[in-house]
Amino acid sequence: MKILIAVDEKIQPATMAEFVRKHIWEFPCDFKVIHVVKPIQDGDVVGFLKAPLRHDITEERRSSGRHLIRLVAIALRDVLHTTHIEEEVLEGDARAAIVRCAQEWKADLIVVSSYTNSSIMGSKLGSVSAAVAADAPCSVLLVRTEDSKEPVAQPRKLTVRRIVSG
C-alpha cells in the first residue's frame, strides 16, 4: 500500500504521526511525506522584489518545507517502526500538486489535514482538502484540526538586507 501524507505548517508533526499510527495499515506500506511551497507570483507582495531576493525567499520556503517534512518523517519512523518513508518538497498550487503527486506516485491513499472554517452558515471544509478529496485518483483520509489563526510550526526568521548605495 502506498500512502501519501501532505503536511503544512498548521499541524504538529507528532500530531500527524500519532493520527497515522492509530490506523490499521496493510503492511508492507510505503509512505511519502510531501509539503507544497507556493511559488512567488508577480502580483504577490514579495513579487515586486528583485529576482535575487525572490530567489532567496523561495529557497527559504523550500528549506522550511524540508525541515517540516523531516520532522513528520522522523515522528512517523518512531511510531510506525519503519524506514520506508520518502520525503519531497513540491512547488505550485497545493491542490494540484498533491493530486499530481498522488497520480505520479500511484498512491493508494492520501492523508491530508483539513481545517474547518466556522461561520454563521456552518462549518465547511478547507479549500485544499476539499479540492484534493474531489480530484484525487485514490481515497483521501482527512485529519481534522481546529481552525487556528496561529501556525503551530514556528516559521524561521527571514532576514532581508537592504543595500543602499550612494
N, C-alpha and C. Protein backbone atom coordinates (compact mmCIF):
# COMPACT_ATOMS: atom_id res chain seq x y z
N MET A 1 0.85 -1.17 0.00
CA MET A 1 0.00 0.00 0.00
C MET A 1 0.90 1.24 0.00
N LYS A 2 0.54 2.24 -0.81
CA LYS A 2 1.32 3.47 -0.90
C LYS A 2 0.48 4.61 -0.32
N ILE A 3 1.03 5.24 0.73
CA ILE A 3 0.30 6.27 1.46
C ILE A 3 1.05 7.59 1.33
N LEU A 4 0.38 8.57 0.75
CA LEU A 4 0.93 9.91 0.55
C LEU A 4 0.41 10.81 1.67
N ILE A 5 1.32 11.44 2.39
CA ILE A 5 0.95 12.31 3.51
C ILE A 5 1.36 13.73 3.16
N ALA A 6 0.36 14.60 3.00
CA ALA A 6 0.61 16.01 2.67
C ALA A 6 0.53 16.82 3.96
N VAL A 7 1.60 17.54 4.28
CA VAL A 7 1.65 18.30 5.53
C VAL A 7 1.83 19.78 5.26
N ASP A 8 1.38 20.58 6.23
CA ASP A 8 1.60 22.02 6.18
C ASP A 8 2.01 22.51 7.55
N GLU A 9 2.19 23.82 7.67
CA GLU A 9 2.72 24.40 8.90
C GLU A 9 1.72 24.42 10.05
N LYS A 10 0.46 24.16 9.78
CA LYS A 10 -0.56 24.30 10.83
C LYS A 10 -0.74 23.08 11.71
N ILE A 11 -0.08 21.99 11.38
CA ILE A 11 -0.26 20.78 12.19
C ILE A 11 1.09 20.32 12.73
N GLN A 12 1.10 19.96 14.00
CA GLN A 12 2.33 19.49 14.63
C GLN A 12 2.74 18.15 14.01
N PRO A 13 4.02 17.95 13.75
CA PRO A 13 4.48 16.66 13.19
C PRO A 13 4.06 15.46 14.04
N ALA A 14 4.15 15.57 15.36
CA ALA A 14 3.77 14.46 16.24
C ALA A 14 2.27 14.17 16.15
N THR A 15 1.47 15.21 15.93
CA THR A 15 0.02 15.02 15.80
C THR A 15 -0.30 14.21 14.56
N MET A 16 0.33 14.55 13.44
CA MET A 16 0.12 13.80 12.20
C MET A 16 0.60 12.37 12.35
N ALA A 17 1.77 12.18 12.95
CA ALA A 17 2.32 10.84 13.14
C ALA A 17 1.40 10.00 14.04
N GLU A 18 0.89 10.59 15.09
CA GLU A 18 0.00 9.86 16.00
C GLU A 18 -1.31 9.49 15.30
N PHE A 19 -1.82 10.39 14.48
CA PHE A 19 -3.03 10.10 13.72
C PHE A 19 -2.81 8.91 12.79
N VAL A 20 -1.69 8.91 12.09
CA VAL A 20 -1.37 7.81 11.17
C VAL A 20 -1.16 6.51 11.95
N ARG A 21 -0.50 6.60 13.10
CA ARG A 21 -0.23 5.41 13.91
C ARG A 21 -1.51 4.71 14.37
N LYS A 22 -2.56 5.47 14.62
CA LYS A 22 -3.80 4.91 15.15
C LYS A 22 -4.58 4.09 14.12
N HIS A 23 -4.20 4.17 12.87
CA HIS A 23 -4.90 3.44 11.82
C HIS A 23 -4.24 2.10 11.55
N ILE A 24 -5.04 1.16 11.08
CA ILE A 24 -4.53 -0.17 10.76
C ILE A 24 -4.14 -0.16 9.28
N TRP A 25 -2.88 -0.44 9.03
CA TRP A 25 -2.35 -0.42 7.67
C TRP A 25 -2.07 -1.84 7.21
N GLU A 26 -2.23 -2.03 5.93
CA GLU A 26 -1.91 -3.31 5.31
C GLU A 26 -0.43 -3.28 4.95
N PHE A 27 0.41 -3.86 5.80
CA PHE A 27 1.85 -3.84 5.57
C PHE A 27 2.24 -4.91 4.56
N PRO A 28 3.25 -4.71 3.75
CA PRO A 28 4.16 -3.58 3.83
C PRO A 28 3.55 -2.31 3.23
N CYS A 29 3.88 -1.21 3.82
CA CYS A 29 3.40 0.10 3.37
C CYS A 29 4.60 0.96 2.99
N ASP A 30 4.40 1.74 1.97
CA ASP A 30 5.37 2.77 1.62
C ASP A 30 4.71 4.10 1.92
N PHE A 31 5.43 4.97 2.61
CA PHE A 31 4.91 6.29 2.95
C PHE A 31 5.73 7.34 2.22
N LYS A 32 5.06 8.39 1.80
CA LYS A 32 5.74 9.54 1.20
C LYS A 32 5.15 10.78 1.85
N VAL A 33 6.02 11.60 2.44
CA VAL A 33 5.59 12.83 3.09
C VAL A 33 5.97 13.99 2.17
N ILE A 34 4.97 14.83 1.87
CA ILE A 34 5.23 15.96 0.99
C ILE A 34 4.76 17.26 1.63
N HIS A 35 5.35 18.33 1.16
CA HIS A 35 4.94 19.69 1.53
C HIS A 35 4.99 20.49 0.25
N VAL A 36 3.98 21.34 0.04
CA VAL A 36 3.92 22.13 -1.19
C VAL A 36 4.23 23.59 -0.86
N VAL A 37 5.19 24.14 -1.60
CA VAL A 37 5.58 25.54 -1.45
C VAL A 37 4.93 26.33 -2.58
N LYS A 38 4.24 27.38 -2.22
CA LYS A 38 3.60 28.23 -3.22
C LYS A 38 4.67 29.12 -3.87
N PRO A 39 4.73 29.11 -5.21
CA PRO A 39 5.73 29.95 -5.88
C PRO A 39 5.37 31.43 -5.76
N ILE A 40 6.38 32.27 -5.86
CA ILE A 40 6.17 33.71 -5.82
C ILE A 40 5.64 34.16 -7.17
N GLN A 41 4.54 34.88 -7.14
CA GLN A 41 3.92 35.41 -8.36
C GLN A 41 4.17 36.91 -8.43
N ASP A 42 4.09 37.48 -9.62
CA ASP A 42 4.32 38.91 -9.79
C ASP A 42 3.33 39.75 -8.99
N GLY A 43 2.11 39.29 -8.79
CA GLY A 43 1.10 40.05 -8.05
C GLY A 43 1.26 39.96 -6.54
N ASP A 44 2.10 39.02 -6.05
CA ASP A 44 2.32 38.88 -4.61
C ASP A 44 3.06 40.09 -4.08
N VAL A 45 2.96 40.28 -2.77
CA VAL A 45 3.68 41.38 -2.14
C VAL A 45 5.17 41.26 -2.40
N VAL A 46 5.72 40.06 -2.26
CA VAL A 46 7.16 39.88 -2.49
C VAL A 46 7.48 39.76 -3.98
N GLY A 47 6.46 39.69 -4.84
CA GLY A 47 6.68 39.60 -6.27
C GLY A 47 7.31 40.84 -6.86
N PHE A 48 7.24 41.94 -6.12
CA PHE A 48 7.81 43.20 -6.60
C PHE A 48 9.29 43.34 -6.26
N LEU A 49 9.82 42.40 -5.52
CA LEU A 49 11.23 42.44 -5.16
C LEU A 49 12.10 42.01 -6.33
N LYS A 50 13.34 42.35 -6.27
CA LYS A 50 14.29 41.97 -7.32
C LYS A 50 14.49 40.46 -7.32
N ALA A 51 14.83 39.92 -8.47
CA ALA A 51 14.93 38.47 -8.66
C ALA A 51 15.84 37.76 -7.65
N PRO A 52 17.02 38.28 -7.33
CA PRO A 52 17.86 37.56 -6.36
C PRO A 52 17.19 37.42 -4.98
N LEU A 53 16.50 38.45 -4.54
CA LEU A 53 15.83 38.38 -3.25
C LEU A 53 14.64 37.43 -3.30
N ARG A 54 13.91 37.45 -4.42
CA ARG A 54 12.79 36.50 -4.59
C ARG A 54 13.32 35.07 -4.56
N HIS A 55 14.47 34.85 -5.20
CA HIS A 55 15.10 33.53 -5.20
C HIS A 55 15.45 33.10 -3.77
N ASP A 56 16.02 34.03 -2.98
CA ASP A 56 16.37 33.72 -1.59
C ASP A 56 15.13 33.37 -0.77
N ILE A 57 14.05 34.09 -0.98
CA ILE A 57 12.80 33.81 -0.25
C ILE A 57 12.26 32.45 -0.64
N THR A 58 12.29 32.12 -1.93
CA THR A 58 11.83 30.81 -2.40
C THR A 58 12.68 29.70 -1.80
N GLU A 59 13.99 29.90 -1.76
CA GLU A 59 14.88 28.90 -1.16
C GLU A 59 14.58 28.73 0.33
N GLU A 60 14.30 29.83 1.01
CA GLU A 60 13.97 29.75 2.44
C GLU A 60 12.66 28.98 2.65
N ARG A 61 11.68 29.20 1.78
CA ARG A 61 10.42 28.45 1.86
C ARG A 61 10.67 26.95 1.64
N ARG A 62 11.50 26.62 0.66
CA ARG A 62 11.83 25.21 0.40
C ARG A 62 12.55 24.60 1.60
N SER A 63 13.48 25.34 2.17
CA SER A 63 14.23 24.85 3.32
C SER A 63 13.29 24.61 4.51
N SER A 64 12.38 25.53 4.75
CA SER A 64 11.40 25.35 5.83
C SER A 64 10.52 24.14 5.56
N GLY A 65 10.16 23.94 4.29
CA GLY A 65 9.35 22.77 3.92
C GLY A 65 10.10 21.47 4.15
N ARG A 66 11.40 21.44 3.78
CA ARG A 66 12.22 20.25 4.02
C ARG A 66 12.32 19.95 5.51
N HIS A 67 12.48 21.00 6.31
CA HIS A 67 12.57 20.84 7.76
C HIS A 67 11.25 20.27 8.31
N LEU A 68 10.13 20.78 7.84
CA LEU A 68 8.82 20.32 8.31
C LEU A 68 8.60 18.85 7.96
N ILE A 69 8.85 18.46 6.71
CA ILE A 69 8.61 17.06 6.35
C ILE A 69 9.61 16.13 7.02
N ARG A 70 10.81 16.63 7.30
CA ARG A 70 11.79 15.82 8.03
C ARG A 70 11.27 15.52 9.44
N LEU A 71 10.67 16.53 10.10
CA LEU A 71 10.11 16.32 11.44
C LEU A 71 8.97 15.30 11.41
N VAL A 72 8.11 15.40 10.40
CA VAL A 72 7.00 14.45 10.29
C VAL A 72 7.53 13.05 10.00
N ALA A 73 8.51 12.94 9.10
CA ALA A 73 9.07 11.63 8.76
C ALA A 73 9.75 10.99 9.96
N ILE A 74 10.47 11.77 10.74
CA ILE A 74 11.11 11.24 11.95
C ILE A 74 10.05 10.74 12.93
N ALA A 75 9.00 11.53 13.13
CA ALA A 75 7.92 11.13 14.04
C ALA A 75 7.24 9.86 13.54
N LEU A 76 7.03 9.75 12.21
CA LEU A 76 6.42 8.54 11.64
C LEU A 76 7.32 7.33 11.82
N ARG A 77 8.61 7.50 11.59
CA ARG A 77 9.55 6.38 11.78
C ARG A 77 9.51 5.89 13.22
N ASP A 78 9.38 6.82 14.15
CA ASP A 78 9.32 6.45 15.57
C ASP A 78 8.06 5.66 15.92
N VAL A 79 6.91 6.10 15.42
CA VAL A 79 5.66 5.45 15.81
C VAL A 79 5.34 4.22 14.98
N LEU A 80 5.82 4.17 13.74
CA LEU A 80 5.50 3.03 12.86
C LEU A 80 6.63 2.00 12.78
N HIS A 81 7.78 2.34 13.31
CA HIS A 81 8.94 1.44 13.28
C HIS A 81 9.26 0.99 11.85
N THR A 82 9.32 1.96 10.94
CA THR A 82 9.62 1.67 9.55
C THR A 82 10.61 2.69 9.01
N THR A 83 11.30 2.31 7.97
CA THR A 83 12.20 3.24 7.30
C THR A 83 11.74 3.54 5.88
N HIS A 84 10.61 2.98 5.48
CA HIS A 84 10.10 3.17 4.11
C HIS A 84 9.33 4.47 4.01
N ILE A 85 10.02 5.59 4.18
CA ILE A 85 9.37 6.89 4.12
C ILE A 85 10.18 7.80 3.21
N GLU A 86 9.54 8.22 2.13
CA GLU A 86 10.17 9.18 1.21
C GLU A 86 9.77 10.58 1.65
N GLU A 87 10.58 11.56 1.28
CA GLU A 87 10.32 12.95 1.62
C GLU A 87 10.52 13.80 0.36
N GLU A 88 9.58 14.75 0.13
CA GLU A 88 9.72 15.60 -1.06
C GLU A 88 9.00 16.93 -0.85
N VAL A 89 9.69 18.01 -1.25
CA VAL A 89 9.08 19.33 -1.26
C VAL A 89 8.70 19.62 -2.71
N LEU A 90 7.44 19.99 -2.91
CA LEU A 90 6.93 20.31 -4.24
C LEU A 90 6.67 21.80 -4.32
N GLU A 91 6.58 22.31 -5.54
CA GLU A 91 6.27 23.72 -5.73
C GLU A 91 5.07 23.85 -6.63
N GLY A 92 4.18 24.77 -6.29
CA GLY A 92 3.00 25.01 -7.11
C GLY A 92 1.76 25.22 -6.25
N ASP A 93 0.61 25.12 -6.89
CA ASP A 93 -0.66 25.20 -6.19
C ASP A 93 -0.83 23.91 -5.40
N ALA A 94 -1.09 24.01 -4.11
CA ALA A 94 -1.14 22.82 -3.24
C ALA A 94 -2.18 21.81 -3.73
N ARG A 95 -3.34 22.27 -4.13
CA ARG A 95 -4.40 21.36 -4.56
C ARG A 95 -3.94 20.52 -5.75
N ALA A 96 -3.42 21.17 -6.76
CA ALA A 96 -2.99 20.46 -7.97
C ALA A 96 -1.74 19.62 -7.71
N ALA A 97 -0.80 20.15 -6.93
CA ALA A 97 0.45 19.43 -6.69
C ALA A 97 0.23 18.13 -5.91
N ILE A 98 -0.66 18.15 -4.94
CA ILE A 98 -0.93 16.94 -4.16
C ILE A 98 -1.57 15.87 -5.04
N VAL A 99 -2.56 16.27 -5.83
CA VAL A 99 -3.23 15.32 -6.72
C VAL A 99 -2.27 14.78 -7.77
N ARG A 100 -1.45 15.66 -8.36
CA ARG A 100 -0.47 15.23 -9.37
C ARG A 100 0.55 14.25 -8.76
N CYS A 101 1.01 14.54 -7.56
CA CYS A 101 1.97 13.65 -6.89
C CYS A 101 1.34 12.29 -6.63
N ALA A 102 0.08 12.28 -6.20
CA ALA A 102 -0.62 11.01 -5.95
C ALA A 102 -0.75 10.20 -7.24
N GLN A 103 -1.03 10.88 -8.36
CA GLN A 103 -1.15 10.19 -9.64
C GLN A 103 0.20 9.61 -10.08
N GLU A 104 1.24 10.44 -10.03
CA GLU A 104 2.56 10.01 -10.49
C GLU A 104 3.16 8.91 -9.61
N TRP A 105 2.92 9.00 -8.30
CA TRP A 105 3.48 8.03 -7.37
C TRP A 105 2.59 6.79 -7.25
N LYS A 106 1.39 6.87 -7.84
CA LYS A 106 0.40 5.79 -7.80
C LYS A 106 -0.01 5.46 -6.35
N ALA A 107 -0.35 6.53 -5.62
CA ALA A 107 -0.74 6.40 -4.21
C ALA A 107 -2.08 5.66 -4.11
N ASP A 108 -2.20 4.86 -3.05
CA ASP A 108 -3.45 4.18 -2.74
C ASP A 108 -4.30 5.03 -1.80
N LEU A 109 -3.65 5.94 -1.09
CA LEU A 109 -4.35 6.78 -0.10
C LEU A 109 -3.59 8.08 0.08
N ILE A 110 -4.34 9.17 0.22
CA ILE A 110 -3.76 10.47 0.54
C ILE A 110 -4.24 10.84 1.94
N VAL A 111 -3.32 11.23 2.80
CA VAL A 111 -3.66 11.74 4.13
C VAL A 111 -3.35 13.23 4.10
N VAL A 112 -4.37 14.04 4.36
CA VAL A 112 -4.21 15.49 4.30
C VAL A 112 -4.96 16.12 5.47
N SER A 113 -4.41 17.21 6.00
CA SER A 113 -5.10 17.89 7.10
C SER A 113 -6.24 18.73 6.55
N SER A 114 -7.27 18.86 7.35
CA SER A 114 -8.45 19.60 6.93
C SER A 114 -8.79 20.61 8.01
N TYR A 115 -8.88 21.85 7.60
CA TYR A 115 -9.22 22.92 8.53
C TYR A 115 -10.64 23.34 8.25
N THR A 116 -11.47 23.30 9.26
CA THR A 116 -12.85 23.72 9.08
C THR A 116 -12.94 25.20 9.34
N ASN A 117 -13.62 25.87 8.46
CA ASN A 117 -13.86 27.30 8.60
C ASN A 117 -15.26 27.48 9.14
N SER A 118 -15.36 27.92 10.38
CA SER A 118 -16.66 28.08 11.00
C SER A 118 -17.19 29.47 10.72
N SER A 119 -18.48 29.54 10.47
CA SER A 119 -19.13 30.83 10.27
C SER A 119 -20.59 30.68 10.65
N ILE A 120 -21.34 31.73 10.48
CA ILE A 120 -22.78 31.68 10.77
C ILE A 120 -23.46 30.65 9.89
N MET A 121 -22.93 30.44 8.70
CA MET A 121 -23.52 29.50 7.75
C MET A 121 -23.15 28.05 8.08
N GLY A 122 -22.31 27.85 9.08
CA GLY A 122 -21.90 26.49 9.46
C GLY A 122 -20.46 26.22 9.09
N SER A 123 -20.02 25.00 9.33
CA SER A 123 -18.63 24.62 9.04
C SER A 123 -18.51 24.14 7.60
N LYS A 124 -17.36 24.42 7.02
CA LYS A 124 -17.09 23.91 5.68
C LYS A 124 -15.64 23.48 5.62
N LEU A 125 -15.36 22.57 4.72
CA LEU A 125 -14.01 22.05 4.54
C LEU A 125 -13.11 23.12 3.96
N GLY A 126 -11.82 23.06 4.29
CA GLY A 126 -10.86 23.97 3.70
C GLY A 126 -10.74 23.74 2.21
N SER A 127 -10.29 24.74 1.48
CA SER A 127 -10.27 24.65 0.02
C SER A 127 -9.30 23.59 -0.50
N VAL A 128 -8.14 23.44 0.14
CA VAL A 128 -7.17 22.46 -0.33
C VAL A 128 -7.70 21.04 -0.10
N SER A 129 -8.15 20.75 1.11
CA SER A 129 -8.63 19.39 1.40
C SER A 129 -9.87 19.06 0.57
N ALA A 130 -10.75 20.02 0.36
CA ALA A 130 -11.95 19.78 -0.46
C ALA A 130 -11.56 19.48 -1.91
N ALA A 131 -10.63 20.24 -2.46
CA ALA A 131 -10.19 20.03 -3.84
C ALA A 131 -9.47 18.69 -3.99
N VAL A 132 -8.62 18.34 -3.03
CA VAL A 132 -7.92 17.06 -3.08
C VAL A 132 -8.92 15.92 -3.01
N ALA A 133 -9.88 16.02 -2.09
CA ALA A 133 -10.90 14.97 -1.96
C ALA A 133 -11.71 14.82 -3.24
N ALA A 134 -11.98 15.93 -3.91
CA ALA A 134 -12.78 15.90 -5.14
C ALA A 134 -12.01 15.36 -6.34
N ASP A 135 -10.71 15.67 -6.43
CA ASP A 135 -9.94 15.36 -7.63
C ASP A 135 -8.96 14.21 -7.50
N ALA A 136 -8.81 13.66 -6.31
CA ALA A 136 -7.80 12.62 -6.07
C ALA A 136 -8.08 11.35 -6.86
N PRO A 137 -7.01 10.67 -7.31
CA PRO A 137 -7.16 9.42 -8.04
C PRO A 137 -7.33 8.21 -7.10
N CYS A 138 -7.38 8.49 -5.79
CA CYS A 138 -7.48 7.41 -4.80
C CYS A 138 -8.29 7.93 -3.60
N SER A 139 -8.39 7.12 -2.59
CA SER A 139 -9.10 7.52 -1.38
C SER A 139 -8.32 8.62 -0.66
N VAL A 140 -9.06 9.44 0.11
CA VAL A 140 -8.46 10.54 0.86
C VAL A 140 -8.90 10.43 2.31
N LEU A 141 -7.94 10.51 3.21
CA LEU A 141 -8.21 10.47 4.64
C LEU A 141 -7.91 11.86 5.19
N LEU A 142 -8.91 12.49 5.80
CA LEU A 142 -8.75 13.85 6.31
C LEU A 142 -8.41 13.82 7.79
N VAL A 143 -7.40 14.59 8.16
CA VAL A 143 -7.04 14.78 9.56
C VAL A 143 -7.69 16.09 9.97
N ARG A 144 -8.75 16.02 10.75
CA ARG A 144 -9.46 17.23 11.15
C ARG A 144 -8.71 17.95 12.25
N THR A 145 -8.57 19.24 12.08
CA THR A 145 -7.94 20.07 13.09
C THR A 145 -8.80 21.29 13.33
N GLU A 146 -8.62 21.90 14.46
CA GLU A 146 -9.35 23.13 14.78
C GLU A 146 -8.79 24.27 13.96
N ASP A 147 -9.67 25.18 13.56
CA ASP A 147 -9.23 26.37 12.85
C ASP A 147 -8.41 27.23 13.81
N SER A 148 -7.23 27.60 13.39
CA SER A 148 -6.35 28.37 14.26
C SER A 148 -5.77 29.53 13.48
N LYS A 149 -5.67 30.65 14.13
CA LYS A 149 -5.07 31.83 13.49
C LYS A 149 -3.54 31.75 13.52
N GLU A 150 -3.00 31.01 14.47
CA GLU A 150 -1.56 30.90 14.65
C GLU A 150 -1.04 29.59 14.07
N PRO A 151 0.00 29.59 13.25
CA PRO A 151 0.59 28.32 12.81
C PRO A 151 1.30 27.66 13.99
N VAL A 152 1.20 26.32 14.07
CA VAL A 152 1.83 25.63 15.19
C VAL A 152 3.33 25.41 14.95
N ALA A 153 3.73 25.30 13.71
CA ALA A 153 5.16 25.19 13.41
C ALA A 153 5.68 26.61 13.29
N GLN A 154 6.63 26.96 14.10
CA GLN A 154 7.15 28.32 14.10
C GLN A 154 7.99 28.55 12.85
N PRO A 155 7.61 29.54 12.04
CA PRO A 155 8.42 29.82 10.86
C PRO A 155 9.78 30.37 11.27
N ARG A 156 10.77 30.01 10.50
CA ARG A 156 12.10 30.53 10.78
C ARG A 156 12.16 31.97 10.32
N LYS A 157 12.97 32.75 10.99
CA LYS A 157 13.08 34.17 10.65
C LYS A 157 13.76 34.32 9.30
N LEU A 158 13.26 35.23 8.51
CA LEU A 158 13.85 35.54 7.22
C LEU A 158 14.49 36.91 7.34
N THR A 159 15.74 36.98 7.07
CA THR A 159 16.45 38.23 7.17
C THR A 159 16.52 38.88 5.79
N VAL A 160 16.02 40.09 5.71
CA VAL A 160 16.07 40.83 4.47
C VAL A 160 17.04 41.99 4.67
N ARG A 161 18.06 42.03 3.87
CA ARG A 161 19.04 43.11 3.97
C ARG A 161 18.79 44.13 2.89
N ARG A 162 18.85 45.34 3.29
CA ARG A 162 18.63 46.43 2.35
C ARG A 162 19.98 47.09 2.08
N ILE A 163 20.33 47.14 0.82
CA ILE A 163 21.60 47.73 0.44
C ILE A 163 21.33 49.10 -0.18
N VAL A 164 21.91 50.10 0.42
CA VAL A 164 21.74 51.46 -0.08
C VAL A 164 23.10 51.95 -0.55
N SER A 165 23.11 52.41 -1.78
CA SER A 165 24.39 52.92 -2.30
C SER A 165 24.28 54.44 -2.47
N GLY A 166 25.40 55.05 -2.44
CA GLY A 166 25.38 56.43 -2.78
C GLY A 166 25.78 57.36 -1.77
